[in-house]
């Protein structure tokens, strides 16, 4: 019995639609897609959408913790110093408790300062950011992803950690490398 070529075309079309749908679903639920959406929101000056991809409390908390390590030189405390270790741990716990409360108090001011900076971004800088995202090194493990953005013009990079909300299946930046951020700020200011 001869099969009509229409059957083969219909099956290929259905299979193509299923593959394209699966690709779209997985692409849309990826860290890279969330980063692209962030840049799109910046280009449209839709800062509310931009902030939906950032966990500012978590980012500020991790930056505060890493900044604290810079403030206390590790070489001044002798190894095995129980009181020194206890003080550092207590200070770290204290900051973890205080930073979210400080952020809640000053959230509007933090966003206002960030908005002022975001307004100064040029189209060229936004396109460079889009390019860095397209070429980003992303290592995903479960609901967490390590992202490295490289900026060839500045010869710098920025490492981010992203987390996925299991219920909403959306990705958000939850921490930024303090060392990378410090280097980028130095290059920008000097």
Protein backbone atom coordinates (compact mmCIF):
# COMPACT_ATOMS: atom_id res chain seq x y z
CA UNK A 1 0.00 0.00 0.00
CA UNK A 2 1.40 3.38 -1.00
CA UNK A 3 1.49 6.12 1.60
CA UNK A 4 0.68 9.60 0.58
CA UNK A 5 3.51 12.17 0.81
CA UNK A 6 1.08 14.35 2.73
CA UNK A 7 1.26 11.94 5.68
CA UNK A 8 5.05 12.23 5.79
CA UNK A 9 4.85 16.00 5.53
CA UNK A 10 2.22 16.15 8.31
CA UNK A 11 4.28 13.90 10.61
CA UNK A 12 7.46 15.96 9.92
CA UNK A 13 5.54 19.18 10.55
CA UNK A 14 4.11 17.89 13.86
CA UNK A 15 7.53 16.60 14.93
CA UNK A 16 9.10 19.96 14.00
CA UNK A 17 6.48 21.83 16.04
CA UNK A 18 7.08 19.59 19.08
CA UNK A 19 10.87 20.04 18.86
CA UNK A 20 10.53 23.83 18.42
CA UNK A 21 8.08 23.98 21.36
CA UNK A 22 10.43 21.99 23.61
CA UNK A 23 13.37 24.20 22.61
CA UNK A 24 11.34 27.35 23.30
CA UNK A 25 10.19 26.01 26.69
CA UNK A 26 13.72 25.14 27.83
CA UNK A 27 15.21 28.34 26.42
CA UNK A 28 12.56 30.47 28.11
CA UNK A 29 13.25 28.82 31.48
CA UNK A 30 17.02 29.37 31.34
CA UNK A 31 19.31 31.80 33.16
CA UNK A 32 20.45 33.28 29.84
CA UNK A 33 16.85 34.11 28.89
CA UNK A 34 16.36 35.91 32.23
CA UNK A 35 19.54 37.92 31.64
CA UNK A 36 18.35 38.86 28.15
CA UNK A 37 15.02 39.95 29.63
CA UNK A 38 16.89 42.14 32.12
CA UNK A 39 18.73 43.96 29.33
CA UNK A 40 15.51 44.31 27.34
CA UNK A 41 13.88 45.88 30.41
CA UNK A 42 16.84 48.28 30.71
CA UNK A 43 16.57 49.25 27.04
CA UNK A 44 12.87 49.93 27.52
CA UNK A 45 13.60 51.75 30.80
CA UNK A 46 11.18 49.39 32.54
CA UNK A 47 13.01 49.34 35.87
CA UNK A 48 10.22 47.53 37.72
CA UNK A 49 10.66 44.55 35.39
CA UNK A 50 14.44 44.86 35.69
CA UNK A 51 14.24 44.64 39.50
CA UNK A 52 12.07 41.52 39.25
CA UNK A 53 15.22 39.69 38.08
CA UNK A 54 17.27 40.86 41.09
CA UNK A 55 17.12 39.70 44.68
CA UNK A 56 18.54 42.95 46.06
CA UNK A 57 18.43 41.81 49.71
CA UNK A 58 20.44 38.73 48.94
CA UNK A 59 22.90 40.62 46.72
CA UNK A 60 23.50 43.31 49.35
CA UNK A 61 23.81 40.67 52.07
CA UNK A 62 26.48 38.73 50.18
CA UNK A 63 28.34 41.93 49.22
CA UNK A 64 28.29 43.07 52.86
CA UNK A 65 29.67 39.74 54.01
CA UNK A 66 32.46 39.80 51.42
CA UNK A 67 33.22 43.47 52.15
CA UNK A 68 33.64 42.60 55.82
CA UNK A 69 36.43 40.19 54.90
CA UNK A 70 38.25 43.10 53.26
CA UNK A 71 37.91 45.25 56.37
CA UNK A 72 39.52 42.72 58.73
CA UNK A 73 42.91 41.61 57.42
CA UNK A 74 43.22 37.89 57.97
CA UNK A 75 46.92 38.13 58.83
CA UNK A 76 46.36 40.14 62.02
CA UNK A 77 44.41 37.33 63.67
CA UNK A 78 46.53 34.37 64.72
CA UNK A 79 45.34 30.97 63.56
CA UNK A 80 43.30 29.10 66.12
CA UNK A 81 42.43 32.25 68.04
CA UNK A 82 39.08 31.22 69.53
CA UNK A 83 37.99 34.72 70.53
CA UNK A 84 38.97 36.23 67.17
CA UNK A 85 37.14 33.47 65.26
CA UNK A 86 34.11 33.86 67.51
CA UNK A 87 34.09 37.65 66.99
CA UNK A 88 34.24 37.25 63.21
CA UNK A 89 31.39 34.71 63.22
CA UNK A 90 29.28 36.89 65.51
CA UNK A 91 29.94 39.95 63.35
CA UNK A 92 28.99 38.00 60.24
CA UNK A 93 25.74 36.76 61.81
CA UNK A 94 24.96 40.27 63.05
CA UNK A 95 25.44 41.72 59.56
CA UNK A 96 23.28 38.98 58.03
CA UNK A 97 20.49 40.03 60.39
CA UNK A 98 20.98 43.79 60.07
CA UNK A 99 21.46 44.18 56.29
CA UNK A 100 17.95 43.00 55.32
CA UNK A 101 16.41 45.37 57.88
CA UNK A 102 18.57 48.25 56.66
CA UNK A 103 17.61 47.40 53.09
CA UNK A 104 13.91 47.38 53.97
CA UNK A 105 14.33 50.84 55.47
CA UNK A 106 16.29 52.28 52.56
CA UNK A 107 14.94 50.24 49.64
CA UNK A 108 13.40 53.26 47.91
CA UNK A 109 16.63 55.22 48.24
CA UNK A 110 18.73 52.30 46.95
CA UNK A 111 16.46 51.93 43.92
CA UNK A 112 16.51 55.70 43.31
CA UNK A 113 20.32 55.70 43.26
CA UNK A 114 20.36 52.66 40.99
CA UNK A 115 17.77 54.25 38.68
CA UNK A 116 19.94 57.37 38.39
CA UNK A 117 22.88 55.23 37.31
CA UNK A 118 20.76 53.12 34.93
CA UNK A 119 19.53 56.30 33.24
CA UNK A 120 23.13 57.13 32.30
CA UNK A 121 23.70 53.88 30.38
CA UNK A 122 24.18 54.52 26.69
CA UNK A 123 22.78 52.37 23.90
CA UNK A 124 26.34 51.24 23.14
CA UNK A 125 26.84 50.08 26.74
CA UNK A 126 23.52 48.23 26.73
CA UNK A 127 24.41 46.50 23.45
CA UNK A 128 27.80 45.53 24.91
CA UNK A 129 25.99 44.07 27.91
CA UNK A 130 23.67 42.15 25.57
CA UNK A 131 26.75 40.79 23.78
CA UNK A 132 28.38 39.79 27.08
CA UNK A 133 25.21 37.90 28.00
CA UNK A 134 25.11 36.13 24.64
CA UNK A 135 28.70 34.94 25.22
CA UNK A 136 28.35 34.30 28.97
CA UNK A 137 29.71 31.14 30.51
CA UNK A 138 26.78 29.57 32.40
CA UNK A 139 27.10 26.49 34.58
CA UNK A 140 23.75 25.35 35.87
CA UNK A 141 23.25 22.83 38.66
CA UNK A 142 19.64 22.33 39.65
CA UNK A 143 18.11 25.60 40.83
CA UNK A 144 21.42 27.50 40.90
CA UNK A 145 23.61 28.80 38.09
CA UNK A 146 27.08 30.32 38.08
CA UNK A 147 27.35 32.97 35.37
CA UNK A 148 30.53 34.65 34.16
CA UNK A 149 30.12 37.73 31.98
CA UNK A 150 33.25 38.77 30.12
CA UNK A 151 33.81 42.31 28.90
CA UNK A 152 36.59 42.14 26.30
CA UNK A 153 36.82 45.92 25.80
CA UNK A 154 37.43 46.50 29.53
CA UNK A 155 39.30 43.20 29.92
CA UNK A 156 37.16 42.45 32.92
CA UNK A 157 34.61 39.91 34.00
CA UNK A 158 31.74 39.72 36.43
CA UNK A 159 30.69 36.53 38.17
CA UNK A 160 27.07 36.22 39.24
CA UNK A 161 25.08 33.56 41.01
CA UNK A 162 21.51 33.06 39.88
CA UNK A 163 18.80 31.12 41.65
CA UNK A 164 15.56 29.74 40.27
CA UNK A 165 12.30 29.99 42.14
CA UNK A 166 10.96 26.40 41.89
CA UNK A 167 7.33 27.51 41.93
CA UNK A 168 7.53 30.33 39.37
CA UNK A 169 10.45 28.75 37.47
CA UNK A 170 11.99 32.21 37.08
CA UNK A 171 15.68 33.03 37.46
CA UNK A 172 17.00 35.91 39.56
CA UNK A 173 20.48 37.17 40.39
CA UNK A 174 21.12 36.36 44.06
CA UNK A 175 24.78 37.36 44.43
CA UNK A 176 27.52 39.25 42.65
CA UNK A 177 31.25 38.65 43.07
CA UNK A 178 32.60 41.44 45.27
CA UNK A 179 36.13 41.10 43.85
CA UNK A 180 34.91 41.40 40.25
CA UNK A 181 32.62 44.29 41.10
CA UNK A 182 35.44 46.09 42.90
CA UNK A 183 37.72 45.74 39.83
CA UNK A 184 35.02 46.95 37.45
CA UNK A 185 34.30 49.99 39.62
CA UNK A 186 38.03 50.80 39.81
CA UNK A 187 38.32 50.66 36.00
CA UNK A 188 35.20 52.78 35.58
CA UNK A 189 36.33 55.46 38.05
CA UNK A 190 39.99 55.65 37.04
